[in-house]
Amino acid sequence: MHFEREDWSDGLPTPKNFRLVAERREATFDDIQVFDLSAFKGLEADTIILVIGGHLPMRPEETYVGFSRARFALAVVECGANLDLPAELIDTAMASENI
């Protein structure tokens, strides 16, 4: 439907490129710092992209650390994990969508 026309992308802004940098390196404005959960304990950020799943299972404490570090926005990317989230965490997330 929308993508059948050749000009479907006309007027869309050009995507911005970012660079992923390790947690200990100096980051610039266009960089996204990547942290292991253990290295991010006690820290906060305006926006968190939490990747769950993969080759190592997450302990409940790590889930809490990952979910509680974002000041304004949290995006969870699931990579095949079978993660049982606490009901109160799900309720809080659902309630914040209604704000």
Protein backbone atom coordinates (compact mmCIF):
# COMPACT_ATOMS: atom_id res chain seq x y z
CA MET A 1 0.00 0.00 0.00
CA HIS A 2 2.19 2.84 1.26
CA PHE A 3 5.44 1.42 -0.03
CA GLU A 4 4.25 0.65 -3.54
CA ARG A 5 5.07 4.12 -4.84
CA GLU A 6 8.63 5.09 -5.70
CA ASP A 7 8.39 8.35 -3.74
CA TRP A 8 7.21 6.80 -0.45
CA SER A 9 10.28 8.12 1.38
CA ASP A 10 10.12 11.69 0.04
CA GLY A 11 10.02 14.14 2.91
CA LEU A 12 11.37 11.74 5.54
CA PRO A 13 14.34 13.10 7.45
CA THR A 14 17.71 11.51 6.81
CA PRO A 15 18.47 9.01 9.58
CA LYS A 16 21.21 10.01 11.99
CA ASN A 17 24.17 7.70 12.42
CA PHE A 18 25.50 6.91 15.87
CA ARG A 19 28.59 5.12 17.05
CA LEU A 20 28.56 2.57 19.86
CA VAL A 21 31.44 3.06 22.30
CA ALA A 22 32.62 0.98 25.23
CA GLU A 23 31.73 2.22 28.71
CA ARG A 24 35.21 3.46 29.61
CA ARG A 25 35.88 5.49 26.45
CA GLU A 26 35.22 9.18 26.02
CA ALA A 27 31.87 9.70 24.27
CA THR A 28 30.90 12.55 21.98
CA PHE A 29 27.42 13.86 21.21
CA ASP A 30 26.87 11.31 18.41
CA ASP A 31 28.00 8.32 20.47
CA ILE A 32 25.93 5.80 22.35
CA GLN A 33 27.75 4.36 25.33
CA VAL A 34 27.35 0.62 25.86
CA PHE A 35 27.54 -0.75 29.40
CA ASP A 36 27.39 -4.18 30.95
CA LEU A 37 24.76 -4.23 33.73
CA SER A 38 27.39 -4.84 36.39
CA ALA A 39 29.26 -1.71 35.29
CA PHE A 40 26.08 0.42 35.34
CA LYS A 41 25.05 -0.38 38.91
CA GLY A 42 24.41 2.87 40.79
CA LEU A 43 24.34 5.00 37.62
CA GLU A 44 21.41 6.60 35.77
CA ALA A 45 20.75 7.87 32.25
CA ASP A 46 17.94 9.79 30.58
CA THR A 47 17.29 6.91 28.19
CA ILE A 48 18.16 3.24 28.57
CA ILE A 49 18.02 0.58 25.85
CA LEU A 50 18.08 -2.70 27.76
CA VAL A 51 18.92 -5.78 25.71
CA ILE A 52 17.75 -8.97 27.42
CA GLY A 53 18.33 -12.52 26.33
CA GLY A 54 21.30 -13.88 24.53
CA HIS A 55 23.78 -16.34 25.94
CA LEU A 56 23.68 -15.35 29.63
CA PRO A 57 20.55 -15.49 31.78
CA MET A 58 19.61 -12.41 33.82
CA ARG A 59 19.27 -12.70 37.56
CA PRO A 60 16.36 -10.82 39.22
CA GLU A 61 18.81 -8.26 40.66
CA GLU A 62 20.14 -7.53 37.17
CA THR A 63 16.60 -7.12 35.87
CA TYR A 64 15.94 -4.56 38.61
CA VAL A 65 19.17 -2.67 37.83
CA GLY A 66 18.34 -2.57 34.13
CA PHE A 67 14.74 -1.45 34.63
CA SER A 68 15.42 1.16 37.31
CA ARG A 69 18.22 3.23 35.72
CA ALA A 70 16.24 5.22 33.14
CA ARG A 71 15.13 8.72 34.18
CA PHE A 72 12.76 9.32 31.25
CA ALA A 73 12.63 6.45 28.74
CA LEU A 74 13.25 2.72 28.82
CA ALA A 75 13.26 0.51 25.72
CA VAL A 76 13.54 -3.24 26.21
CA VAL A 77 14.88 -5.30 23.32
CA GLU A 78 14.19 -8.99 23.73
CA CYS A 79 16.61 -11.42 22.10
CA GLY A 80 14.96 -14.76 22.75
CA ALA A 81 14.98 -14.56 26.54
CA ASN A 82 12.50 -16.39 28.68
CA LEU A 83 12.34 -13.79 31.44
CA ASP A 84 9.67 -13.89 34.12
CA LEU A 85 9.09 -10.26 35.07
CA PRO A 86 7.58 -9.36 38.45
CA ALA A 87 3.88 -8.48 38.18
CA GLU A 88 4.38 -5.11 39.92
CA LEU A 89 7.00 -4.14 37.30
CA ILE A 90 4.60 -4.93 34.49
CA ASP A 91 1.78 -3.04 36.25
CA THR A 92 4.02 0.01 36.67
CA ALA A 93 5.06 -0.07 33.00
CA MET A 94 1.45 -0.39 31.83
CA ALA A 95 0.33 2.45 34.12
CA SER A 96 3.02 4.79 32.78
CA GLU A 97 1.69 4.30 29.22
CA ASN A 98 -1.58 5.89 30.28
CA ILE A 99 0.05 9.13 31.42
